[in-house]
Protein backbone atom coordinates (compact mmCIF):
# COMPACT_ATOMS: atom_id res chain seq x y z
CA UNK A 1 0.00 0.00 0.00
CA UNK A 2 2.98 2.28 0.82
CA UNK A 3 4.52 1.76 -2.61
CA UNK A 4 1.18 2.46 -4.29
CA UNK A 5 0.69 5.62 -2.25
CA UNK A 6 4.11 7.01 -3.09
CA UNK A 7 3.68 6.16 -6.76
CA UNK A 8 0.45 8.15 -6.88
CA UNK A 9 2.05 11.08 -5.02
CA UNK A 10 5.54 11.37 -6.48
CA UNK A 11 5.93 8.95 -9.37
CA UNK A 12 8.13 5.96 -9.98
CA UNK A 13 11.35 7.76 -9.12
CA UNK A 14 10.11 8.59 -5.65
CA UNK A 15 9.11 4.95 -5.20
CA UNK A 16 12.74 3.97 -5.65
CA UNK A 17 13.77 6.44 -2.97
CA UNK A 18 11.17 5.07 -0.60
CA UNK A 19 12.27 1.47 -0.98
CA UNK A 20 15.93 2.47 -0.42
CA UNK A 21 14.87 4.25 2.75
CA UNK A 22 13.09 1.08 3.90
CA UNK A 23 16.27 -0.96 3.51
CA UNK A 24 18.34 1.72 5.29
CA UNK A 25 16.01 2.28 8.21
CA UNK A 26 14.66 -1.01 9.56
CA UNK A 27 12.71 0.69 12.31
CA UNK A 28 10.57 2.75 9.90
CA UNK A 29 7.09 1.25 9.75
CA UNK A 30 3.50 2.30 9.19
CA UNK A 31 0.65 1.35 11.39
CA UNK A 32 -1.10 -1.64 9.85
CA UNK A 33 -4.57 -0.35 10.67
CA UNK A 34 -3.98 2.73 8.47
CA UNK A 35 -2.97 0.57 5.52
CA UNK A 36 -5.97 -1.71 6.04
CA UNK A 37 -8.39 1.20 6.17
CA UNK A 38 -6.87 2.76 3.06
CA UNK A 39 -7.28 -0.49 1.21
CA UNK A 40 -11.05 -0.21 1.62
CA UNK A 41 -11.35 3.22 0.02
CA UNK A 42 -13.27 3.17 -3.25
CA UNK A 43 -11.46 4.33 -6.37
CA UNK A 44 -13.86 7.22 -6.90
CA UNK A 45 -13.19 8.63 -3.43
CA UNK A 46 -9.44 8.14 -3.92
CA UNK A 47 -9.34 10.12 -7.15
CA UNK A 48 -11.51 12.98 -5.98
CA UNK A 49 -10.68 13.38 -2.29
CA UNK A 50 -7.62 11.38 -1.24
CA UNK A 51 -4.97 12.62 -3.64
CA UNK A 52 -4.44 15.79 -1.53
CA UNK A 53 -4.13 13.56 1.52
CA UNK A 54 -1.58 11.36 -0.24
CA UNK A 55 0.49 14.42 -1.02
CA UNK A 56 0.42 15.57 2.61
CA UNK A 57 1.08 12.06 3.87
CA UNK A 58 4.02 11.63 1.50
CA UNK A 59 5.50 14.98 2.56
CA UNK A 60 5.20 13.96 6.20
CA UNK A 61 7.03 10.70 5.50
CA UNK A 62 9.85 12.58 3.78
CA UNK A 63 10.24 14.83 6.79
CA UNK A 64 10.18 11.88 9.17
CA UNK A 65 12.72 9.81 7.25
CA UNK A 66 15.07 12.70 6.73
CA UNK A 67 15.23 13.67 10.39
CA UNK A 68 14.98 10.07 11.62
CA UNK A 69 17.95 9.07 9.47
CA UNK A 70 19.85 12.19 10.52
CA UNK A 71 19.22 11.54 14.22
CA UNK A 72 20.57 8.00 13.92
CA UNK A 73 23.65 8.89 11.94
CA UNK A 74 22.46 7.34 8.72
CA UNK A 75 23.69 9.07 5.60
CA UNK A 76 21.58 8.80 2.49
CA UNK A 77 23.67 9.16 -0.65
CA UNK A 78 20.94 9.76 -3.20
CA UNK A 79 20.84 12.82 -5.47
CA UNK A 80 17.17 12.14 -6.10
CA UNK A 81 16.36 12.12 -2.40
CA UNK A 82 18.27 15.34 -1.79
CA UNK A 83 16.52 16.93 -4.77
CA UNK A 84 13.13 16.22 -3.21
CA UNK A 85 14.44 17.18 0.22
CA UNK A 86 15.47 20.60 -1.02
CA UNK A 87 12.21 20.92 -2.96
CA UNK A 88 10.16 20.14 0.16
CA UNK A 89 12.16 22.43 2.42
CA UNK A 90 13.49 19.65 4.62
CA UNK A 91 15.65 22.03 6.62
CA UNK A 92 12.52 23.40 8.24
CA UNK A 93 10.38 21.89 10.98
CA UNK A 94 9.58 18.18 10.59
CA UNK A 95 5.92 18.75 11.50
CA UNK A 96 3.21 19.27 8.84
CA UNK A 97 1.52 22.64 8.59
CA UNK A 98 -1.92 23.45 10.03
CA UNK A 99 -3.32 23.45 6.50
CA UNK A 100 -1.99 19.93 5.96
CA UNK A 101 -3.65 18.74 9.15
CA UNK A 102 -6.97 20.26 8.06
CA UNK A 103 -6.74 18.47 4.72
CA UNK A 104 -6.14 15.18 6.54
CA UNK A 105 -9.17 15.76 8.78
CA UNK A 106 -11.34 16.64 5.78
CA UNK A 107 -10.31 13.45 4.02
CA UNK A 108 -11.16 11.40 7.10
CA UNK A 109 -14.61 13.01 7.20
CA UNK A 110 -15.11 12.10 3.54
CA UNK A 111 -14.17 8.52 4.34
CA UNK A 112 -16.65 8.46 7.23
CA UNK A 113 -19.38 9.63 4.86
CA UNK A 114 -18.44 6.80 2.53
CA UNK A 115 -18.91 4.36 5.40
CA UNK A 116 -22.37 5.83 6.10
CA UNK A 117 -23.34 5.25 2.48
CA UNK A 118 -22.53 1.55 2.78
CA UNK A 119 -24.38 0.99 6.06
CA UNK A 120 -27.28 2.33 8.10
CA UNK A 121 -26.92 2.67 11.85
CA UNK A 122 -30.48 2.28 13.05
CA UNK A 123 -31.98 2.50 16.51
CA UNK A 124 -33.90 -0.70 17.08
CA UNK A 125 -36.76 1.23 18.64
CA UNK A 126 -37.27 3.16 15.37
CA UNK A 127 -38.09 -0.09 13.59
CA UNK A 128 -40.95 -0.84 15.96
CA UNK A 129 -44.44 0.63 15.51
CA UNK A 130 -45.49 3.26 18.01
CA UNK A 131 -48.86 3.40 19.74
CA UNK A 132 -49.43 7.06 18.85
CA UNK A 133 -50.03 8.44 15.36
CA UNK A 134 -47.47 10.88 13.97
CA UNK A 135 -49.00 13.24 11.41
CA UNK A 136 -46.13 14.29 9.19
CA UNK A 137 -47.81 15.27 5.92
CA UNK A 138 -49.32 18.70 5.35
CA UNK A 139 -51.68 19.54 2.52
CA UNK A 140 -50.27 21.38 -0.49
CA UNK A 141 -52.24 24.10 -2.22
CA UNK A 142 -51.06 23.24 -5.73
CA UNK A 143 -51.85 19.55 -5.83
CA UNK A 144 -54.74 17.24 -4.98
CA UNK A 145 -53.39 15.36 -2.01
CA UNK A 146 -55.05 12.78 0.23
CA UNK A 147 -53.89 11.58 3.63
CA UNK A 148 -52.70 7.99 3.41
CA UNK A 149 -52.31 5.65 6.39
CA UNK A 150 -51.55 1.99 7.04
CA UNK A 151 -54.73 0.11 7.84
CA UNK A 152 -53.22 -1.56 10.92
CA UNK A 153 -51.58 1.50 12.50
CA UNK A 154 -52.80 4.02 15.11
CA UNK A 155 -53.41 6.59 12.34
CA UNK A 156 -56.05 4.36 10.75
CA UNK A 157 -59.74 4.87 11.50
CA UNK A 158 -60.22 1.17 10.72
CA UNK A 159 -57.57 -0.21 13.09
CA UNK A 160 -58.29 -3.45 14.88
CA UNK A 161 -56.59 -5.17 17.78
CA UNK A 162 -53.62 -7.24 16.62
CA UNK A 163 -53.44 -10.97 17.28
CA UNK A 164 -50.27 -12.70 18.41
CA UNK A 165 -49.66 -14.23 14.96
CA UNK A 166 -50.60 -11.02 13.17
CA UNK A 167 -47.43 -10.60 11.05
CA UNK A 168 -47.43 -14.26 9.99
CA UNK A 169 -51.01 -13.84 8.77
CA UNK A 170 -50.02 -10.78 6.74
CA UNK A 171 -47.19 -12.68 5.07
CA UNK A 172 -49.37 -15.71 4.37
CA UNK A 173 -52.01 -13.55 2.72
CA UNK A 174 -49.31 -11.71 0.81
CA UNK A 175 -48.28 -15.04 -0.67
CA UNK A 176 -51.86 -15.65 -1.80
CA UNK A 177 -51.92 -12.20 -3.34
CA UNK A 178 -48.71 -12.82 -5.28
CA UNK A 179 -49.93 -16.20 -6.46
CA UNK A 180 -53.08 -14.65 -7.86
CA UNK A 181 -51.11 -11.92 -9.63
CA UNK A 182 -49.06 -14.63 -11.33
CA UNK A 183 -52.23 -16.44 -12.39
CA UNK A 184 -53.65 -13.27 -13.92
CA UNK A 185 -50.48 -12.55 -15.87
CA UNK A 186 -50.17 -16.17 -17.01
CA UNK A 187 -53.81 -16.21 -18.13
CA UNK A 188 -53.29 -12.99 -20.08
CA UNK A 189 -50.21 -14.40 -21.82
CA UNK A 190 -52.30 -17.37 -22.89
CA UNK A 191 -54.99 -15.08 -24.28
CA UNK A 192 -57.37 -15.18 -21.34
CA UNK A 193 -57.01 -11.50 -20.58
CA UNK A 194 -56.99 -12.17 -16.87
CA UNK A 195 -60.79 -12.35 -16.67
CA UNK A 196 -63.17 -15.06 -15.66
CA UNK A 197 -65.79 -16.07 -18.22
CA UNK A 198 -69.40 -15.21 -17.53
CA UNK A 199 -71.70 -17.76 -19.13
CA UNK A 200 -75.00 -15.97 -18.68
CA UNK A 201 -76.46 -12.57 -18.03
CA UNK A 202 -77.06 -12.54 -14.31
CA UNK A 203 -78.49 -10.54 -11.45
CA UNK A 204 -76.24 -9.10 -8.71
CA UNK A 205 -76.71 -12.27 -6.68
CA UNK A 206 -74.58 -14.16 -9.20
CA UNK A 207 -71.09 -14.81 -7.78
CA UNK A 208 -69.35 -15.10 -11.16
CA UNK A 209 -67.08 -12.07 -11.62
CA UNK A 210 -66.87 -10.25 -14.93
CA UNK A 211 -63.34 -9.09 -14.16
CA UNK A 212 -60.81 -10.43 -11.70
CA UNK A 213 -58.89 -8.10 -9.45
CA UNK A 214 -55.78 -8.57 -7.38
CA UNK A 215 -55.81 -10.09 -3.94
CA UNK A 216 -56.49 -7.62 -1.18
CA UNK A 217 -53.30 -7.83 0.83
CA UNK A 218 -53.30 -7.42 4.60
CA UNK A 219 -50.55 -4.82 4.25
CA UNK A 220 -52.64 -2.33 2.28
CA UNK A 221 -52.87 1.42 2.79
CA UNK A 222 -56.11 3.35 2.98
CA UNK A 223 -57.41 6.80 2.05
CA UNK A 224 -60.74 8.52 2.69
CA UNK A 225 -62.76 10.07 -0.14
CA UNK A 226 -66.23 11.55 -0.48
CA UNK A 227 -68.81 9.89 -2.74
CA UNK A 228 -72.09 11.34 -3.97
CA UNK A 229 -73.87 14.69 -3.67
CA UNK A 230 -73.58 15.67 -0.90
CA UNK A 231 -70.36 13.66 -0.42
CA UNK A 232 -70.35 10.79 2.07
CA UNK A 233 -67.03 9.65 3.55
CA UNK A 234 -65.79 6.29 2.31
CA UNK A 235 -62.56 4.68 3.53
CA UNK A 236 -60.92 2.70 0.71
CA UNK A 237 -57.82 0.65 0.06
CA UNK A 238 -55.78 2.19 -2.74
CA UNK A 239 -54.33 -0.36 -5.16
CA UNK A 240 -52.14 0.11 -8.25
CA UNK A 241 -52.91 -3.50 -9.19
CA UNK A 242 -56.67 -2.97 -9.59
CA UNK A 243 -58.72 -0.97 -12.08
CA UNK A 244 -62.28 -1.02 -10.77
CA UNK A 245 -63.18 1.24 -7.86
CA UNK A 246 -66.10 -0.06 -5.80
CA UNK A 247 -67.88 0.50 -2.49
CA UNK A 248 -70.55 -1.40 -0.61
CA UNK A 249 -74.01 0.03 -1.26
CA UNK A 250 -77.45 -0.07 0.25
CA UNK A 251 -79.75 -1.93 0.13
CA UNK A 252 -77.14 -4.75 0.12
CA UNK A 253 -79.52 -7.16 -1.56
CA UNK A 254 -77.26 -10.19 -1.02
CA UNK A 255 -74.55 -9.56 1.56
CA UNK A 256 -72.28 -6.89 3.04
CA UNK A 257 -69.48 -7.21 5.56
CA UNK A 258 -69.07 -4.81 8.48
CA UNK A 259 -67.36 -1.52 7.63
CA UNK A 260 -66.32 1.66 9.44
CA UNK A 261 -68.34 4.17 7.39
CA UNK A 262 -72.04 4.16 6.77
CA UNK A 263 -73.00 2.18 3.70
CA UNK A 264 -73.26 4.38 0.64
CA UNK A 265 -76.92 4.98 -0.23
CA UNK A 266 -77.45 5.76 -3.94
CA UNK A 267 -80.91 7.11 -3.17
CA UNK A 268 -79.43 9.88 -1.02
CA UNK A 269 -77.18 11.22 -3.80
CA UNK A 270 -78.54 13.78 -6.26
CA UNK A 271 -75.96 12.84 -8.91
CA UNK A 272 -76.04 9.01 -8.82
CA UNK A 273 -76.87 7.07 -12.01
CA UNK A 274 -76.62 3.47 -13.17
CA UNK A 275 -74.55 2.61 -16.26
CA UNK A 276 -76.47 0.91 -19.04
CA UNK A 277 -75.29 -2.26 -20.74
CA UNK A 278 -75.20 -0.47 -24.10
CA UNK A 279 -72.76 2.20 -22.92
CA UNK A 280 -69.08 2.35 -23.86
CA UNK A 281 -68.23 2.35 -20.14
CA UNK A 282 -69.79 -1.07 -19.74
CA UNK A 283 -67.80 -2.33 -22.73
CA UNK A 284 -64.56 -1.00 -21.21
CA UNK A 285 -65.37 -2.98 -18.11
CA UNK A 286 -65.59 -6.22 -20.11
CA UNK A 287 -68.84 -6.82 -18.27
CA UNK A 288 -71.04 -9.45 -19.88
CA UNK A 289 -73.71 -9.43 -17.20
CA UNK A 290 -76.82 -7.25 -17.16
CA UNK A 291 -79.85 -6.80 -14.94
CA UNK A 292 -82.81 -4.97 -16.46
CA UNK A 293 -80.48 -3.11 -18.81
CA UNK A 294 -78.03 -2.10 -16.05
CA UNK A 295 -74.37 -3.04 -16.35
CA UNK A 296 -73.16 -5.51 -13.72
CA UNK A 297 -69.55 -5.50 -12.53
CA UNK A 298 -67.82 -8.27 -10.66
CA UNK A 299 -64.36 -8.52 -9.13
CA UNK A 300 -62.77 -11.42 -7.28
CA UNK A 301 -59.55 -11.62 -5.35
CA UNK A 302 -56.96 -14.28 -4.66
CA UNK A 303 -57.95 -14.72 -1.01
CA UNK A 304 -61.57 -15.56 -1.95
CA UNK A 305 -62.93 -12.04 -1.42
CA UNK A 306 -65.26 -10.60 -4.03
CA UNK A 307 -67.69 -7.84 -4.88
CA UNK A 308 -70.58 -7.91 -7.37
CA UNK A 309 -73.08 -5.15 -8.06
CA UNK A 310 -74.27 -2.33 -10.31
CA UNK A 311 -71.77 -0.34 -12.36
CA UNK A 312 -72.63 3.29 -11.64
CA UNK A 313 -71.51 6.92 -11.84
CA UNK A 314 -71.47 9.68 -9.25
CA UNK A 315 -69.36 12.57 -8.00
CA UNK A 316 -66.08 11.57 -6.34
CA UNK A 317 -64.59 14.15 -3.96
CA UNK A 318 -60.86 13.44 -3.55
CA UNK A 319 -60.55 16.52 -1.32
CA UNK A 320 -63.17 19.01 -0.11
CA UNK A 321 -62.15 21.36 -2.93
CA UNK A 322 -61.52 18.89 -5.76
CA UNK A 323 -64.17 16.55 -7.14
CA UNK A 324 -64.42 14.27 -10.18
CA UNK A 325 -67.93 14.44 -11.74
CA UNK A 326 -69.58 11.35 -13.22
CA UNK A 327 -66.93 9.02 -11.84
CA UNK A 328 -67.52 5.36 -12.77
CA UNK A 329 -67.46 2.85 -9.93
CA UNK A 330 -69.06 -0.34 -8.68
CA UNK A 331 -71.96 -0.16 -6.26
CA UNK A 332 -71.63 -3.48 -4.44
CA UNK A 333 -74.65 -5.57 -3.55
CA UNK A 334 -72.91 -8.91 -2.92
CA UNK A 335 -69.68 -8.40 -0.99
CA UNK A 336 -67.71 -10.80 1.13
CA UNK A 337 -64.15 -11.39 2.19
CA UNK A 338 -61.19 -9.95 4.05
CA UNK A 339 -61.54 -6.20 3.58
CA UNK A 340 -61.33 -5.31 7.26
CA UNK A 341 -63.44 -2.25 7.98
CA UNK A 342 -62.79 -0.53 4.65
CA UNK A 343 -65.71 0.29 2.38
CA UNK A 344 -64.02 -0.94 -0.80
CA UNK A 345 -61.17 -0.41 -3.27
CA UNK A 346 -59.79 2.68 -5.07
CA UNK A 347 -58.41 1.31 -8.35
CA UNK A 348 -55.25 3.04 -9.62
CA UNK A 349 -54.21 0.53 -12.27
CA UNK A 350 -53.57 1.39 -15.90
CA UNK A 351 -56.77 -0.05 -17.41
CA UNK A 352 -59.70 1.94 -18.75
CA UNK A 353 -61.98 1.67 -15.69
CA UNK A 354 -59.29 3.02 -13.33
CA UNK A 355 -59.35 6.41 -11.64
CA UNK A 356 -56.08 7.27 -13.39
CA UNK A 357 -57.55 6.74 -16.85
CA UNK A 358 -60.87 8.39 -16.05
CA UNK A 359 -59.09 11.56 -14.89
CA UNK A 360 -56.50 11.65 -17.67
CA UNK A 361 -57.59 15.10 -18.88
CA UNK A 362 -57.91 16.51 -15.37
CA UNK A 363 -54.60 15.28 -13.91
CA UNK A 364 -52.69 14.48 -17.13
CA UNK A 365 -52.26 10.86 -16.13
CA UNK A 366 -49.89 11.77 -13.28
CA UNK A 367 -50.25 10.51 -9.74
CA UNK A 368 -47.97 9.62 -6.88
CA UNK A 369 -47.81 8.52 -3.30
CA UNK A 370 -45.52 8.18 -0.33
CA UNK A 371 -45.87 5.17 1.95
CA UNK A 372 -44.78 6.10 5.48
CA UNK A 373 -41.81 4.55 7.24
CA UNK A 374 -44.02 2.77 9.75
CA UNK A 375 -47.66 2.09 10.50
CA UNK A 376 -47.49 4.90 13.07
CA UNK A 377 -46.81 7.58 10.45
CA UNK A 378 -48.85 9.16 7.67
CA UNK A 379 -48.13 9.40 3.96
CA UNK A 380 -50.02 10.79 1.00
CA UNK A 381 -51.70 9.98 -2.30
CA UNK A 382 -51.52 12.83 -4.83
CA UNK A 383 -52.86 13.58 -8.30
CA UNK A 384 -51.52 16.08 -10.82
CA UNK A 385 -48.25 17.37 -12.26
CA UNK A 386 -46.85 18.89 -9.06
CA UNK A 387 -43.46 17.31 -8.46
CA UNK A 388 -43.07 15.83 -11.95
CA UNK A 389 -40.24 18.27 -12.65
CA UNK A 390 -38.62 17.89 -9.22
CA UNK A 391 -34.85 17.56 -9.83
CA UNK A 392 -34.49 15.12 -6.92
CA UNK A 393 -36.76 12.56 -8.58
CA UNK A 394 -34.89 9.67 -10.22
CA UNK A 395 -36.84 8.43 -13.21
CA UNK A 396 -36.84 5.06 -14.88
CA UNK A 397 -38.94 3.79 -17.78
CA UNK A 398 -42.44 2.50 -17.16
CA UNK A 399 -43.07 -0.64 -19.18
CA UNK A 400 -46.59 -1.60 -20.26
CA UNK A 401 -48.03 -4.80 -21.69
CA UNK A 402 -51.16 -4.59 -23.82
CA UNK A 403 -52.21 -8.02 -22.55
CA UNK A 404 -52.15 -6.83 -18.93
CA UNK A 405 -52.95 -3.08 -19.11
CA UNK A 406 -53.68 -2.91 -15.38
CA UNK A 407 -50.07 -3.37 -14.32
CA UNK A 408 -47.07 -1.04 -14.29
CA UNK A 409 -43.74 -2.72 -15.01
CA UNK A 410 -40.20 -1.43 -14.42
CA UNK A 411 -36.83 -2.61 -15.70
CA UNK A 412 -34.86 -3.75 -12.66
CA UNK A 413 -31.31 -4.64 -13.79
CA UNK A 414 -29.32 -5.08 -10.59
CA UNK A 415 -28.92 -4.85 -6.82
CA UNK A 416 -26.09 -3.52 -4.69
CA UNK A 417 -25.30 -4.34 -1.06
CA UNK A 418 -23.04 -2.12 1.07
CA UNK A 419 -22.09 -0.17 -2.04
CA UNK A 420 -21.01 -3.24 -4.01
CA UNK A 421 -23.03 -4.34 -7.03
CA UNK A 422 -23.92 -8.01 -6.88
CA UNK A 423 -22.86 -10.22 -9.77
CA UNK A 424 -26.33 -10.82 -11.14
CA UNK A 425 -26.71 -10.64 -14.94
CA UNK A 426 -29.51 -8.23 -15.98
CA UNK A 427 -30.99 -11.10 -18.00
CA UNK A 428 -31.98 -12.78 -14.72
CA UNK A 429 -34.44 -9.93 -14.03
CA UNK A 430 -35.47 -9.47 -17.67
CA UNK A 431 -36.69 -13.04 -18.22
CA UNK A 432 -40.05 -12.54 -16.47
CA UNK A 433 -39.91 -8.79 -15.82
CA UNK A 434 -40.70 -6.79 -12.68
CA UNK A 435 -43.95 -5.04 -11.81
CA UNK A 436 -44.40 -2.40 -9.13
CA UNK A 437 -47.42 -2.99 -6.92
CA UNK A 438 -48.75 -1.10 -3.91
CA UNK A 439 -50.73 -4.14 -2.74
CA UNK A 440 -47.81 -6.58 -2.49
CA UNK A 441 -46.00 -6.38 0.84
CA UNK A 442 -42.68 -8.18 0.29
CA UNK A 443 -40.59 -7.74 -2.88
CA UNK A 444 -40.21 -10.95 -4.90
CA UNK A 445 -37.00 -11.65 -6.83
CA UNK A 446 -35.87 -14.35 -9.25
CA UNK A 447 -34.34 -17.25 -7.28
CA UNK A 448 -30.76 -16.55 -8.43
CA UNK A 449 -31.05 -12.84 -7.62
CA UNK A 450 -32.47 -13.51 -4.19
CA UNK A 451 -29.78 -16.07 -3.39
CA UNK A 452 -27.07 -13.53 -4.22
CA UNK A 453 -28.76 -10.79 -2.15
CA UNK A 454 -29.30 -13.11 0.80
CA UNK A 455 -25.69 -14.29 0.78
CA UNK A 456 -24.33 -10.73 0.71
CA UNK A 457 -26.75 -9.57 3.41
CA UNK A 458 -25.95 -12.49 5.70
CA UNK A 459 -22.25 -11.85 5.29
CA UNK A 460 -22.70 -8.29 6.53
CA UNK A 461 -24.97 -9.33 9.42
CA UNK A 462 -22.83 -12.16 10.82
CA UNK A 463 -22.30 -10.31 14.12
CA UNK A 464 -25.98 -10.57 15.03
CA UNK A 465 -27.83 -13.48 16.59
CA UNK A 466 -29.94 -15.40 14.08
CA UNK A 467 -33.69 -15.79 14.60
CA UNK A 468 -36.10 -18.40 13.20
CA UNK A 469 -37.62 -17.80 9.78
CA UNK A 470 -41.20 -16.61 9.54
CA UNK A 471 -43.40 -17.57 6.60
CA UNK A 472 -41.64 -16.51 3.37
CA UNK A 473 -38.85 -14.62 5.19
CA UNK A 474 -35.87 -16.91 5.76
CA UNK A 475 -33.15 -14.46 6.89
CA UNK A 476 -34.01 -13.13 10.35
CA UNK A 477 -32.10 -11.74 13.33
CA UNK A 478 -32.74 -11.11 17.00
CA UNK A 479 -31.83 -7.53 18.03
CA UNK A 480 -32.80 -8.05 21.67
CA UNK A 481 -30.48 -6.16 24.02
CA UNK A 482 -29.01 -3.95 21.31
CA UNK A 483 -29.66 -0.24 21.18
CA UNK A 484 -28.90 -0.09 17.48
CA UNK A 485 -28.16 -2.33 14.53
CA UNK A 486 -25.88 -1.70 11.57
CA UNK A 487 -27.72 -2.66 8.38
CA UNK A 488 -25.89 -2.94 5.06
CA UNK A 489 -27.21 -0.46 2.51
CA UNK A 490 -29.29 -2.01 -0.27
CA UNK A 491 -29.96 -0.28 -3.59
CA UNK A 492 -32.11 -1.26 -6.57
CA UNK A 493 -30.52 -0.46 -9.92
CA UNK A 494 -32.28 0.66 -13.09
CA UNK A 495 -31.08 1.74 -16.57
CA UNK A 496 -29.70 5.23 -16.96
CA UNK A 497 -27.49 4.97 -13.89
CA UNK A 498 -30.55 5.19 -11.62
CA UNK A 499 -29.89 3.82 -8.13
CA UNK A 500 -32.74 3.71 -5.60
CA UNK A 501 -31.13 3.48 -2.17
CA UNK A 502 -33.65 1.87 0.15
CA UNK A 503 -34.47 3.32 3.54
CA UNK A 504 -33.68 1.05 6.53
CA UNK A 505 -37.43 0.40 6.84
CA UNK A 506 -37.34 -0.90 3.27
CA UNK A 507 -34.48 -3.32 3.91
CA UNK A 508 -35.84 -5.23 6.90
CA UNK A 509 -39.33 -6.26 7.94
CA UNK A 510 -40.02 -6.05 11.66
CA UNK A 511 -41.96 -9.05 12.88
CA UNK A 512 -41.72 -8.15 16.58
CA UNK A 513 -39.26 -6.81 19.18
CA UNK A 514 -37.07 -9.90 18.88
CA UNK A 515 -37.16 -10.55 15.14
CA UNK A 516 -36.25 -8.45 12.11
CA UNK A 517 -35.97 -10.11 8.70
CA UNK A 518 -34.58 -9.31 5.29
CA UNK A 519 -37.66 -7.93 3.50
CA UNK A 520 -37.23 -9.87 0.26
CA UNK A 521 -38.32 -13.31 -0.87
CA UNK A 522 -37.56 -15.64 -3.76
CA UNK A 523 -40.00 -16.53 -6.50
CA UNK A 524 -40.75 -20.19 -7.05
CA UNK A 525 -39.12 -20.20 -10.48
CA UNK A 526 -37.30 -18.08 -13.05
CA UNK A 527 -40.50 -17.63 -15.07
CA UNK A 528 -42.40 -15.97 -12.22
CA UNK A 529 -42.75 -12.22 -12.51
CA UNK A 530 -40.71 -10.15 -10.07
CA UNK A 531 -42.60 -7.67 -7.89
CA UNK A 532 -41.43 -4.48 -6.21
CA UNK A 533 -43.52 -4.52 -3.04
CA UNK A 534 -44.68 -1.75 -0.76
CA UNK A 535 -42.10 -2.35 2.00
CA UNK A 536 -39.29 -1.33 -0.36
CA UNK A 537 -41.27 1.73 -1.45
CA UNK A 538 -41.52 3.13 2.08
CA UNK A 539 -40.50 6.80 2.57
CA UNK A 540 -40.07 7.36 -1.20
CA UNK A 541 -42.17 9.75 -3.17
CA UNK A 542 -43.18 7.40 -6.01
CA UNK A 543 -44.39 9.30 -9.09
CA UNK A 544 -46.25 7.70 -12.01
CA UNK A 545 -46.34 9.63 -15.28
CA UNK A 546 -48.47 7.35 -17.44
CA UNK A 547 -48.45 9.31 -20.77
CA UNK A 548 -44.66 9.75 -20.64
CA UNK A 549 -44.22 6.15 -19.48
CA UNK A 550 -41.90 6.85 -16.58
CA UNK A 551 -41.84 6.15 -12.85
CA UNK A 552 -39.86 8.34 -10.47
CA UNK A 553 -38.45 7.83 -6.99
CA UNK A 554 -37.65 10.71 -4.62
CA UNK A 555 -35.96 9.84 -1.33
CA UNK A 556 -37.42 11.34 1.84
CA UNK A 557 -40.87 11.84 0.41
CA UNK A 558 -42.53 11.43 3.81
């Protein structure tokens, strides 16, 4: 390391001088810890920040050797050495100047910052949910912005008491959700379009869906909107993997589950109307069912939940000052399943029935959200162009498939751990592609990619006590008794030199006080689509610009 340092600072001729000094002065040595630390410095930091330090360090060594040799009666007969000695003013004090010391300190600070980029020092308590809601998002005057909360946190109006196996249930249902997404995509590739066939025209009591949705994951986030004239509050899951928005409606001719808000009553709204079977809106829905000329929608989910009812239109108030007239949605008359206390689903997929498509002229096909760091914090769901030109947003291409218009795909090409890119060929990710989904909890990776990530992560976490696996998460640790943990930084890589550096809350999934797990899982096979789940999206402002086909990530969004 010494020879390399001197070569960078003074050239090959100075290297010769240094090696001759080493043979002359046996007691000259460098502390091994300095050499070891220098060996870890990345090339980019060396070229930009450490060259001044090398110069100062080299000058200090010249001073030391000159006076050390002189003090011990060692004569150095080298014209080259004496040339540099005269050039460096070796007759002066052997101590470096104050400016030199400041340069050294600055370089050490730069190195410390490099260390912070490769790891996160995290207080264990910050990874645990709090019992009190922290409202961190303020409304903006230039954008339509809704308050977004986790359904299971203290900020949620629909929160329920957690059971002891709560997190395991979430992960199990997340696996059902992912399995159903795969089925939909596979059916579409085979020409099925991801829908279930309807054999006859049926009344709302029929439990055959006209269009399948995604599974309602237990890790979903909720927003509150107003429906009808005057608007009635409805608490809904928001889902980028679903197109149809629906709520439970009176008179609930077949069945309704218990919800937080009052059931929406079409008779109490001055602007409510049913959609006819002959309308273009009914055709966009792919609905084949009718009841007395009224279009019937139907959605089913991977966990067995479903909603069937009348396809309708009414005013949708996203905020008290911003409403969407004649918004198309499902008015559910036969609803059952695991929706908690929410009134229904707000569909933000890319298909024609979605809110995004219906408001294309109003919001230019741009929407975004920020999922909070924990269930105790608040985030937002926003519509409109505000933030689309933010210079801090890192954009990557949005990929679309005509066979599955609901979904938004992205081109994941790599992963880095602790600042080092893993040796995963981009073709591993490209084989089945990667979709981004707000309803999936845990990110799914191709088996080879996950194995590489897991190996690198485990190598950096070897100091911590291992904990048993839970459900799909097989790399877990017990932080009990530790005030903080040092997590290796993890970044997702996209074309165009776009690196999305995950927040600590997006790297590990907290099961309980004694178990944190790597928040990634492997797909069953190489042909299974990869999914960027909502845990990895935490704290980012995620911006969808549908017409321009790009998705942006802004760190520290909430």
